[in-house]
């Protein structure tokens, strides 16, 4: 899923839990649960066929897929990050200050698996040096169910549902 969906759900976890450590840990768990639903993400244009390992399948990449981040990836990431940053500024501006730390760590935990699994300089170094990072990367590869770009409806359906539900929950606590 894209950054916005994971971060907003992590923020909602922070609002609900009101504890930084637990928000962070549950945020990590939420990432894997959300990724187990079919979705479109930054690499969807590279996927020919899709399916998660937890259902005994493995995504197949298009034969001409680049093995590195291309221009499309960076454009999507920029837009996603910009929207997420704007939403977070609104959330922090509107929520009581006593929730800020928990919201931040919930979002951070929800984003961490993608950082570990997909940011190349970090992946190799972290997964070699830290067993916990290798464990998170492995879990991520089991539960991640990215769809090919042609599956737009289901690709966005769950992301919109998760994001809207989380924002609706957060809205109950705004000033």
N, C-alpha and C. Protein backbone atom coordinates (compact mmCIF):
# COMPACT_ATOMS: atom_id res chain seq x y z
N UNK A 1 0.84 -1.18 0.00
CA UNK A 1 0.00 0.00 0.00
C UNK A 1 0.88 1.23 0.00
N UNK A 2 0.26 2.34 -0.28
CA UNK A 2 1.04 3.57 -0.31
C UNK A 2 1.25 4.11 1.10
N UNK A 3 2.18 5.00 1.20
CA UNK A 3 2.59 5.60 2.48
C UNK A 3 1.40 6.18 3.24
N UNK A 4 0.54 6.91 2.55
CA UNK A 4 -0.59 7.59 3.20
C UNK A 4 -1.46 6.60 3.99
N UNK A 5 -1.84 5.51 3.37
CA UNK A 5 -2.72 4.54 4.03
C UNK A 5 -2.10 3.99 5.31
N UNK A 6 -0.85 3.55 5.21
CA UNK A 6 -0.19 2.99 6.39
C UNK A 6 -0.02 4.04 7.49
N UNK A 7 0.41 5.23 7.10
CA UNK A 7 0.67 6.28 8.09
C UNK A 7 -0.60 6.71 8.81
N UNK A 8 -1.70 6.86 8.09
CA UNK A 8 -2.95 7.31 8.72
C UNK A 8 -3.51 6.24 9.64
N UNK A 9 -3.44 4.98 9.23
CA UNK A 9 -3.89 3.90 10.12
C UNK A 9 -2.99 3.85 11.36
N UNK A 10 -1.68 4.01 11.18
CA UNK A 10 -0.77 4.06 12.33
C UNK A 10 -1.10 5.21 13.26
N UNK A 11 -1.46 6.35 12.68
CA UNK A 11 -1.85 7.51 13.50
C UNK A 11 -3.12 7.20 14.29
N UNK A 12 -4.08 6.55 13.66
CA UNK A 12 -5.32 6.19 14.37
C UNK A 12 -5.03 5.21 15.51
N UNK A 13 -4.09 4.33 15.29
CA UNK A 13 -3.67 3.41 16.36
C UNK A 13 -3.08 4.21 17.51
N UNK A 14 -2.27 5.21 17.19
CA UNK A 14 -1.70 6.07 18.23
C UNK A 14 -2.77 6.79 19.03
N UNK A 15 -3.81 7.25 18.35
CA UNK A 15 -4.91 7.92 19.04
C UNK A 15 -5.62 6.94 19.96
N UNK A 16 -5.84 5.73 19.47
CA UNK A 16 -6.58 4.73 20.25
C UNK A 16 -5.78 4.20 21.44
N UNK A 17 -4.50 3.93 21.23
CA UNK A 17 -3.67 3.28 22.24
C UNK A 17 -3.12 4.27 23.27
N UNK A 18 -2.76 5.46 22.79
CA UNK A 18 -2.24 6.53 23.66
C UNK A 18 -0.96 6.13 24.41
N UNK A 19 -0.17 5.28 23.80
CA UNK A 19 1.11 4.84 24.37
C UNK A 19 2.08 4.68 23.21
N UNK A 20 3.21 5.37 23.27
CA UNK A 20 4.14 5.39 22.14
C UNK A 20 4.68 4.01 21.78
N UNK A 21 5.14 3.24 22.76
CA UNK A 21 5.71 1.93 22.47
C UNK A 21 4.67 1.00 21.86
N UNK A 22 3.50 0.91 22.48
CA UNK A 22 2.47 0.03 21.97
C UNK A 22 1.94 0.51 20.62
N UNK A 23 1.87 1.81 20.43
CA UNK A 23 1.44 2.35 19.13
C UNK A 23 2.42 1.92 18.03
N UNK A 24 3.70 2.02 18.34
CA UNK A 24 4.74 1.62 17.39
C UNK A 24 4.62 0.14 17.04
N UNK A 25 4.52 -0.72 18.05
CA UNK A 25 4.47 -2.17 17.82
C UNK A 25 3.18 -2.58 17.09
N UNK A 26 2.07 -2.01 17.50
CA UNK A 26 0.80 -2.33 16.82
C UNK A 26 0.80 -1.73 15.41
N UNK A 27 1.48 -0.60 15.24
CA UNK A 27 1.63 -0.02 13.90
C UNK A 27 2.34 -0.98 12.96
N UNK A 28 3.40 -1.64 13.44
CA UNK A 28 4.10 -2.64 12.62
C UNK A 28 3.15 -3.76 12.24
N UNK A 29 2.41 -4.26 13.22
CA UNK A 29 1.45 -5.33 12.95
C UNK A 29 0.39 -4.88 11.94
N UNK A 30 -0.10 -3.65 12.09
CA UNK A 30 -1.13 -3.16 11.18
C UNK A 30 -0.63 -3.12 9.74
N UNK A 31 0.66 -2.82 9.58
CA UNK A 31 1.22 -2.78 8.22
C UNK A 31 1.05 -4.13 7.53
N UNK A 32 1.42 -5.20 8.23
CA UNK A 32 1.35 -6.53 7.64
C UNK A 32 -0.10 -6.96 7.41
N UNK A 33 -0.99 -6.62 8.32
CA UNK A 33 -2.41 -6.95 8.13
C UNK A 33 -2.98 -6.21 6.93
N UNK A 34 -2.66 -4.92 6.79
CA UNK A 34 -3.16 -4.15 5.66
C UNK A 34 -2.58 -4.67 4.34
N UNK A 35 -1.30 -5.00 4.33
CA UNK A 35 -0.67 -5.49 3.10
C UNK A 35 -1.18 -6.86 2.68
N UNK A 36 -1.86 -7.57 3.57
CA UNK A 36 -2.42 -8.87 3.19
C UNK A 36 -3.68 -8.73 2.35
N UNK A 37 -4.19 -7.52 2.22
CA UNK A 37 -5.32 -7.25 1.32
C UNK A 37 -4.75 -6.84 -0.04
N UNK A 38 -5.42 -7.24 -1.14
CA UNK A 38 -4.90 -6.86 -2.45
C UNK A 38 -4.88 -5.34 -2.61
N UNK A 39 -3.77 -4.82 -3.14
CA UNK A 39 -3.63 -3.37 -3.26
C UNK A 39 -2.65 -3.00 -4.37
N UNK A 40 -2.68 -1.75 -4.74
CA UNK A 40 -1.72 -1.20 -5.69
C UNK A 40 -0.71 -0.40 -4.89
N UNK A 41 0.54 -0.52 -5.28
CA UNK A 41 1.58 0.29 -4.64
C UNK A 41 2.58 0.75 -5.68
N UNK A 42 3.70 1.26 -5.21
CA UNK A 42 4.69 1.88 -6.11
C UNK A 42 5.21 0.94 -7.19
N UNK A 43 5.26 -0.33 -6.93
CA UNK A 43 5.81 -1.29 -7.89
C UNK A 43 4.78 -2.00 -8.73
N UNK A 44 3.53 -1.59 -8.66
CA UNK A 44 2.47 -2.30 -9.37
C UNK A 44 2.66 -2.32 -10.88
N UNK A 45 3.28 -1.29 -11.43
CA UNK A 45 3.49 -1.26 -12.88
C UNK A 45 4.50 -2.33 -13.33
N UNK A 46 5.22 -2.92 -12.38
CA UNK A 46 6.22 -3.95 -12.71
C UNK A 46 5.64 -5.36 -12.65
N UNK A 47 4.43 -5.51 -12.07
CA UNK A 47 3.87 -6.83 -11.80
C UNK A 47 3.03 -7.33 -12.96
N UNK A 48 3.30 -8.57 -13.36
CA UNK A 48 2.52 -9.22 -14.43
C UNK A 48 1.35 -10.00 -13.81
N UNK A 49 1.67 -10.84 -12.83
CA UNK A 49 0.66 -11.62 -12.11
C UNK A 49 0.93 -11.47 -10.63
N UNK A 50 -0.14 -11.62 -9.84
CA UNK A 50 0.01 -11.32 -8.42
C UNK A 50 -0.59 -12.40 -7.55
N UNK A 51 -0.08 -12.47 -6.35
CA UNK A 51 -0.62 -13.35 -5.33
C UNK A 51 0.33 -13.37 -4.15
N UNK A 52 -0.21 -13.46 -2.94
CA UNK A 52 0.65 -13.44 -1.74
C UNK A 52 1.19 -14.83 -1.41
N UNK A 53 2.34 -14.84 -0.77
CA UNK A 53 2.94 -16.11 -0.35
C UNK A 53 2.07 -16.83 0.67
N UNK A 54 1.30 -16.09 1.48
CA UNK A 54 0.49 -16.77 2.50
C UNK A 54 -0.64 -17.59 1.87
N UNK A 55 -0.92 -17.36 0.59
CA UNK A 55 -1.89 -18.20 -0.14
C UNK A 55 -1.19 -19.15 -1.10
N UNK A 56 0.13 -19.32 -0.92
CA UNK A 56 0.90 -20.23 -1.75
C UNK A 56 1.23 -19.69 -3.13
N UNK A 57 1.13 -18.40 -3.33
CA UNK A 57 1.42 -17.80 -4.63
C UNK A 57 2.64 -16.89 -4.53
N UNK A 58 3.11 -16.47 -5.68
CA UNK A 58 4.24 -15.55 -5.70
C UNK A 58 4.04 -14.59 -6.87
N UNK A 59 4.22 -13.28 -6.64
CA UNK A 59 4.05 -12.34 -7.74
C UNK A 59 5.08 -12.61 -8.85
N UNK A 60 4.62 -12.43 -10.09
CA UNK A 60 5.52 -12.56 -11.24
C UNK A 60 5.70 -11.19 -11.85
N UNK A 61 6.96 -10.80 -12.04
CA UNK A 61 7.25 -9.50 -12.63
C UNK A 61 7.22 -9.59 -14.15
N UNK A 62 6.94 -8.46 -14.79
CA UNK A 62 7.01 -8.39 -16.25
C UNK A 62 8.47 -8.61 -16.65
N UNK A 63 8.70 -9.27 -17.78
CA UNK A 63 10.09 -9.55 -18.17
C UNK A 63 10.93 -8.29 -18.39
N UNK A 64 10.30 -7.20 -18.79
CA UNK A 64 11.05 -5.97 -19.05
C UNK A 64 11.07 -5.02 -17.85
N UNK A 65 10.70 -5.51 -16.67
CA UNK A 65 10.65 -4.68 -15.48
C UNK A 65 12.05 -4.26 -15.04
N UNK A 66 12.23 -2.96 -14.77
CA UNK A 66 13.53 -2.54 -14.23
C UNK A 66 13.67 -3.06 -12.80
N UNK A 67 14.85 -3.36 -12.38
CA UNK A 67 15.09 -3.88 -11.04
C UNK A 67 15.50 -2.77 -10.08
N UNK A 68 15.21 -1.54 -10.43
CA UNK A 68 15.54 -0.42 -9.57
C UNK A 68 14.39 0.57 -9.60
N UNK A 69 14.46 1.56 -8.74
CA UNK A 69 13.41 2.56 -8.70
C UNK A 69 13.51 3.46 -9.93
N UNK A 70 12.43 3.53 -10.69
CA UNK A 70 12.43 4.35 -11.89
C UNK A 70 11.75 5.69 -11.64
N UNK A 71 11.63 6.48 -12.69
CA UNK A 71 11.05 7.82 -12.57
C UNK A 71 9.60 7.78 -12.07
N UNK A 72 8.83 6.81 -12.54
CA UNK A 72 7.43 6.68 -12.10
C UNK A 72 7.36 6.46 -10.59
N UNK A 73 8.22 5.59 -10.09
CA UNK A 73 8.26 5.33 -8.65
C UNK A 73 8.45 6.63 -7.87
N UNK A 74 9.44 7.44 -8.29
CA UNK A 74 9.76 8.66 -7.56
C UNK A 74 8.63 9.68 -7.66
N UNK A 75 7.94 9.74 -8.78
CA UNK A 75 6.81 10.67 -8.93
C UNK A 75 5.66 10.27 -8.00
N UNK A 76 5.35 8.98 -7.99
CA UNK A 76 4.27 8.50 -7.11
C UNK A 76 4.64 8.72 -5.65
N UNK A 77 5.88 8.41 -5.29
CA UNK A 77 6.33 8.61 -3.92
C UNK A 77 6.24 10.08 -3.52
N UNK A 78 6.63 10.99 -4.40
CA UNK A 78 6.58 12.42 -4.11
C UNK A 78 5.14 12.87 -3.84
N UNK A 79 4.21 12.47 -4.69
CA UNK A 79 2.81 12.86 -4.51
C UNK A 79 2.27 12.25 -3.22
N UNK A 80 2.54 10.97 -3.01
CA UNK A 80 2.07 10.28 -1.81
C UNK A 80 2.63 10.93 -0.55
N UNK A 81 3.92 11.21 -0.54
CA UNK A 81 4.55 11.84 0.62
C UNK A 81 3.97 13.24 0.85
N UNK A 82 3.75 13.99 -0.20
CA UNK A 82 3.20 15.35 -0.08
C UNK A 82 1.79 15.33 0.52
N UNK A 83 0.96 14.42 0.04
CA UNK A 83 -0.40 14.30 0.58
C UNK A 83 -0.34 13.83 2.03
N UNK A 84 0.48 12.83 2.31
CA UNK A 84 0.60 12.32 3.69
C UNK A 84 1.10 13.41 4.63
N UNK A 85 2.08 14.18 4.21
CA UNK A 85 2.62 15.26 5.03
C UNK A 85 1.53 16.29 5.33
N UNK A 86 0.74 16.64 4.33
CA UNK A 86 -0.35 17.61 4.50
C UNK A 86 -1.39 17.07 5.49
N UNK A 87 -1.76 15.81 5.33
CA UNK A 87 -2.73 15.19 6.24
C UNK A 87 -2.18 15.18 7.66
N UNK A 88 -0.89 14.86 7.82
CA UNK A 88 -0.30 14.82 9.15
C UNK A 88 -0.21 16.19 9.79
N UNK A 89 0.07 17.19 9.01
CA UNK A 89 0.06 18.55 9.57
C UNK A 89 -1.33 18.89 10.10
N UNK A 90 -2.34 18.52 9.35
CA UNK A 90 -3.73 18.76 9.78
C UNK A 90 -4.02 17.97 11.06
N UNK A 91 -3.62 16.69 11.08
CA UNK A 91 -3.87 15.85 12.26
C UNK A 91 -3.19 16.45 13.49
N UNK A 92 -1.91 16.79 13.37
CA UNK A 92 -1.19 17.35 14.52
C UNK A 92 -1.75 18.70 14.94
N UNK A 93 -2.16 19.48 14.01
CA UNK A 93 -2.73 20.79 14.32
C UNK A 93 -4.04 20.65 15.09
N UNK A 94 -4.81 19.63 14.75
CA UNK A 94 -6.15 19.46 15.33
C UNK A 94 -6.22 18.57 16.57
N UNK A 95 -5.27 17.67 16.73
CA UNK A 95 -5.32 16.76 17.89
C UNK A 95 -4.73 17.40 19.13
N UNK A 96 -5.19 17.00 20.29
CA UNK A 96 -4.57 17.48 21.53
C UNK A 96 -3.09 17.05 21.59
N UNK A 97 -2.27 17.91 22.17
CA UNK A 97 -0.82 17.67 22.22
C UNK A 97 -0.45 16.38 22.93
N UNK A 98 -1.24 15.94 23.88
CA UNK A 98 -0.90 14.71 24.61
C UNK A 98 -0.96 13.46 23.72
N UNK A 99 -1.52 13.57 22.52
CA UNK A 99 -1.58 12.43 21.60
C UNK A 99 -0.48 12.44 20.55
N UNK A 100 0.23 13.54 20.40
CA UNK A 100 1.18 13.69 19.31
C UNK A 100 2.24 12.60 19.27
N UNK A 101 2.85 12.30 20.39
CA UNK A 101 3.93 11.32 20.42
C UNK A 101 3.42 9.92 20.05
N UNK A 102 2.30 9.55 20.59
CA UNK A 102 1.70 8.25 20.29
C UNK A 102 1.31 8.15 18.82
N UNK A 103 0.76 9.23 18.27
CA UNK A 103 0.39 9.26 16.86
C UNK A 103 1.64 9.14 15.98
N UNK A 104 2.68 9.87 16.33
CA UNK A 104 3.93 9.81 15.57
C UNK A 104 4.50 8.40 15.56
N UNK A 105 4.58 7.76 16.73
CA UNK A 105 5.16 6.42 16.79
C UNK A 105 4.27 5.36 16.17
N UNK A 106 2.95 5.55 16.23
CA UNK A 106 2.05 4.63 15.52
C UNK A 106 2.28 4.68 14.02
N UNK A 107 2.39 5.90 13.49
CA UNK A 107 2.65 6.06 12.05
C UNK A 107 4.03 5.52 11.69
N UNK A 108 5.02 5.79 12.52
CA UNK A 108 6.38 5.32 12.26
C UNK A 108 6.42 3.78 12.21
N UNK A 109 5.77 3.15 13.17
CA UNK A 109 5.71 1.68 13.18
C UNK A 109 5.00 1.14 11.95
N UNK A 110 3.94 1.81 11.53
CA UNK A 110 3.18 1.37 10.36
C UNK A 110 3.98 1.52 9.06
N UNK A 111 4.95 2.43 9.03
CA UNK A 111 5.77 2.64 7.84
C UNK A 111 7.05 1.80 7.83
N UNK A 112 7.52 1.41 9.00
CA UNK A 112 8.81 0.73 9.12
C UNK A 112 8.97 -0.50 8.22
N UNK A 113 7.98 -1.40 8.13
CA UNK A 113 8.19 -2.58 7.27
C UNK A 113 8.52 -2.24 5.82
N UNK A 114 7.91 -1.19 5.27
CA UNK A 114 8.24 -0.81 3.89
C UNK A 114 9.64 -0.24 3.78
N UNK A 115 10.07 0.50 4.79
CA UNK A 115 11.43 1.04 4.78
C UNK A 115 12.43 -0.11 4.80
N UNK A 116 12.18 -1.08 5.66
CA UNK A 116 13.08 -2.23 5.77
C UNK A 116 13.05 -3.08 4.50
N UNK A 117 11.87 -3.27 3.93
CA UNK A 117 11.73 -4.18 2.79
C UNK A 117 12.12 -3.55 1.46
N UNK A 118 12.00 -2.23 1.32
CA UNK A 118 12.14 -1.66 -0.02
C UNK A 118 13.21 -0.60 -0.20
N UNK A 119 13.77 -0.07 0.85
CA UNK A 119 14.78 0.96 0.67
C UNK A 119 16.13 0.26 0.55
N UNK A 120 16.64 0.08 -0.69
CA UNK A 120 17.79 -0.81 -0.93
C UNK A 120 19.02 -0.63 -0.05
N UNK A 121 19.53 0.59 0.17
CA UNK A 121 20.73 0.66 1.01
C UNK A 121 20.47 0.16 2.43
N UNK A 122 19.24 0.38 2.90
CA UNK A 122 18.90 -0.02 4.26
C UNK A 122 18.65 -1.51 4.35
N UNK A 123 17.99 -2.07 3.33
CA UNK A 123 17.59 -3.47 3.35
C UNK A 123 18.79 -4.38 3.59
N UNK A 124 19.78 -4.27 2.75
CA UNK A 124 20.93 -5.18 2.86
C UNK A 124 21.68 -4.99 4.16
N UNK A 125 21.93 -3.76 4.53
CA UNK A 125 22.69 -3.50 5.76
C UNK A 125 21.91 -3.93 6.99
N UNK A 126 20.66 -3.54 7.06
CA UNK A 126 19.85 -3.82 8.26
C UNK A 126 19.54 -5.30 8.41
N UNK A 127 19.17 -5.95 7.31
CA UNK A 127 18.79 -7.36 7.44
C UNK A 127 19.99 -8.26 7.70
N UNK A 128 21.19 -7.83 7.30
CA UNK A 128 22.40 -8.60 7.62
C UNK A 128 22.81 -8.40 9.08
N UNK A 129 22.65 -7.18 9.56
CA UNK A 129 23.15 -6.84 10.88
C UNK A 129 22.14 -7.15 12.00
N UNK A 130 20.86 -6.96 11.72
CA UNK A 130 19.84 -7.10 12.77
C UNK A 130 18.85 -8.22 12.43
N UNK A 131 18.73 -9.18 13.31
CA UNK A 131 17.79 -10.28 13.09
C UNK A 131 16.34 -9.79 13.07
N UNK A 132 16.04 -8.79 13.89
CA UNK A 132 14.66 -8.28 13.92
C UNK A 132 14.28 -7.67 12.57
N UNK A 133 15.24 -7.01 11.90
CA UNK A 133 14.96 -6.40 10.59
C UNK A 133 14.75 -7.49 9.54
N UNK A 134 15.56 -8.53 9.59
CA UNK A 134 15.40 -9.65 8.66
C UNK A 134 14.05 -10.33 8.88
N UNK A 135 13.64 -10.45 10.15
CA UNK A 135 12.35 -11.05 10.48
C UNK A 135 11.20 -10.22 9.92
N UNK A 136 11.26 -8.90 10.09
CA UNK A 136 10.21 -8.01 9.57
C UNK A 136 10.17 -8.07 8.04
N UNK A 137 11.33 -8.07 7.40
CA UNK A 137 11.39 -8.15 5.93
C UNK A 137 10.79 -9.47 5.44
N UNK A 138 11.06 -10.55 6.14
CA UNK A 138 10.51 -11.85 5.75
C UNK A 138 8.99 -11.88 5.92
N UNK A 139 8.50 -11.38 7.04
CA UNK A 139 7.05 -11.32 7.24
C UNK A 139 6.41 -10.47 6.15
N UNK A 140 7.06 -9.36 5.83
CA UNK A 140 6.54 -8.47 4.79
C UNK A 140 6.40 -9.21 3.46
N UNK A 141 7.40 -10.00 3.11
CA UNK A 141 7.34 -10.71 1.83
C UNK A 141 6.25 -11.79 1.83
N UNK A 142 5.91 -12.33 2.98
CA UNK A 142 4.85 -13.33 3.06
C UNK A 142 3.47 -12.70 2.90
N UNK A 143 3.25 -11.55 3.53
CA UNK A 143 1.91 -10.96 3.56
C UNK A 143 1.65 -9.94 2.46
N UNK A 144 2.66 -9.46 1.79
CA UNK A 144 2.49 -8.39 0.80
C UNK A 144 1.77 -8.91 -0.44
N UNK A 145 0.64 -8.24 -0.80
CA UNK A 145 -0.17 -8.66 -1.93
C UNK A 145 -0.40 -7.47 -2.86
N UNK A 146 0.62 -7.09 -3.57
CA UNK A 146 0.49 -5.98 -4.53
C UNK A 146 -0.10 -6.51 -5.83
N UNK A 147 -1.00 -5.74 -6.39
CA UNK A 147 -1.67 -6.11 -7.64
C UNK A 147 -1.01 -5.44 -8.84
N UNK A 148 -1.20 -6.01 -10.03
CA UNK A 148 -0.75 -5.32 -11.24
C UNK A 148 -1.54 -4.02 -11.41
N UNK A 149 -0.99 -3.07 -12.10
CA UNK A 149 -1.59 -1.75 -12.26
C UNK A 149 -2.97 -1.82 -12.92
N UNK A 150 -3.24 -2.86 -13.70
CA UNK A 150 -4.53 -2.98 -14.39
C UNK A 150 -5.70 -3.22 -13.42
N UNK A 151 -5.41 -3.62 -12.19
CA UNK A 151 -6.45 -3.92 -11.20
C UNK A 151 -6.76 -2.70 -10.34
N UNK A 152 -7.10 -1.59 -10.98
CA UNK A 152 -7.26 -0.33 -10.25
C UNK A 152 -8.35 -0.35 -9.19
N UNK A 153 -9.53 -0.92 -9.50
CA UNK A 153 -10.62 -0.87 -8.52
C UNK A 153 -10.22 -1.53 -7.21
N UNK A 154 -9.84 -2.82 -7.25
CA UNK A 154 -9.47 -3.51 -6.02
C UNK A 154 -8.16 -3.00 -5.47
N UNK A 155 -7.33 -2.49 -6.36
CA UNK A 155 -6.05 -1.93 -5.93
C UNK A 155 -6.20 -0.73 -5.02
N UNK A 156 -7.22 0.06 -5.26
CA UNK A 156 -7.45 1.25 -4.44
C UNK A 156 -8.55 1.06 -3.40
N UNK A 157 -9.43 0.09 -3.61
CA UNK A 157 -10.57 -0.10 -2.72
C UNK A 157 -10.17 -0.20 -1.25
N UNK A 158 -9.26 -1.13 -0.94
CA UNK A 158 -8.89 -1.35 0.46
C UNK A 158 -8.10 -0.17 1.03
N UNK A 159 -7.29 0.46 0.21
CA UNK A 159 -6.53 1.62 0.69
C UNK A 159 -7.46 2.77 1.07
N UNK A 160 -8.45 3.01 0.22
CA UNK A 160 -9.42 4.06 0.51
C UNK A 160 -10.24 3.70 1.75
N UNK A 161 -10.65 2.44 1.85
CA UNK A 161 -11.44 2.01 3.01
C UNK A 161 -10.65 2.17 4.31
N UNK A 162 -9.40 1.70 4.32
CA UNK A 162 -8.57 1.82 5.52
C UNK A 162 -8.31 3.28 5.88
N UNK A 163 -7.96 4.08 4.88
CA UNK A 163 -7.62 5.49 5.13
C UNK A 163 -8.84 6.26 5.61
N UNK A 164 -9.97 6.07 4.96
CA UNK A 164 -11.20 6.78 5.36
C UNK A 164 -11.64 6.37 6.77
N UNK A 165 -11.57 5.09 7.07
CA UNK A 165 -11.95 4.63 8.42
C UNK A 165 -11.04 5.22 9.48
N UNK A 166 -9.74 5.23 9.21
CA UNK A 166 -8.79 5.79 10.18
C UNK A 166 -9.00 7.29 10.37
N UNK A 167 -9.21 8.01 9.27
CA UNK A 167 -9.46 9.46 9.39
C UNK A 167 -10.77 9.73 10.12
N UNK A 168 -11.77 8.90 9.87
CA UNK A 168 -13.04 9.04 10.59
C UNK A 168 -12.86 8.84 12.09
N UNK A 169 -12.06 7.85 12.45
CA UNK A 169 -11.78 7.60 13.87
C UNK A 169 -11.02 8.77 14.48
N UNK A 170 -9.98 9.23 13.79
CA UNK A 170 -9.17 10.36 14.29
C UNK A 170 -10.02 11.61 14.44
N UNK A 171 -10.95 11.82 13.53
CA UNK A 171 -11.80 13.03 13.55
C UNK A 171 -12.62 13.11 14.84
N UNK A 172 -12.89 12.00 15.46
CA UNK A 172 -13.65 12.02 16.72
C UNK A 172 -12.87 12.68 17.86
N UNK A 173 -11.55 12.82 17.70
CA UNK A 173 -10.72 13.34 18.78
C UNK A 173 -10.15 14.73 18.49
N UNK A 174 -10.51 15.31 17.35
CA UNK A 174 -9.94 16.61 17.01
C UNK A 174 -10.60 17.71 17.82
N UNK A 175 -9.85 18.79 18.00
CA UNK A 175 -10.35 19.94 18.77
C UNK A 175 -11.17 20.82 17.88
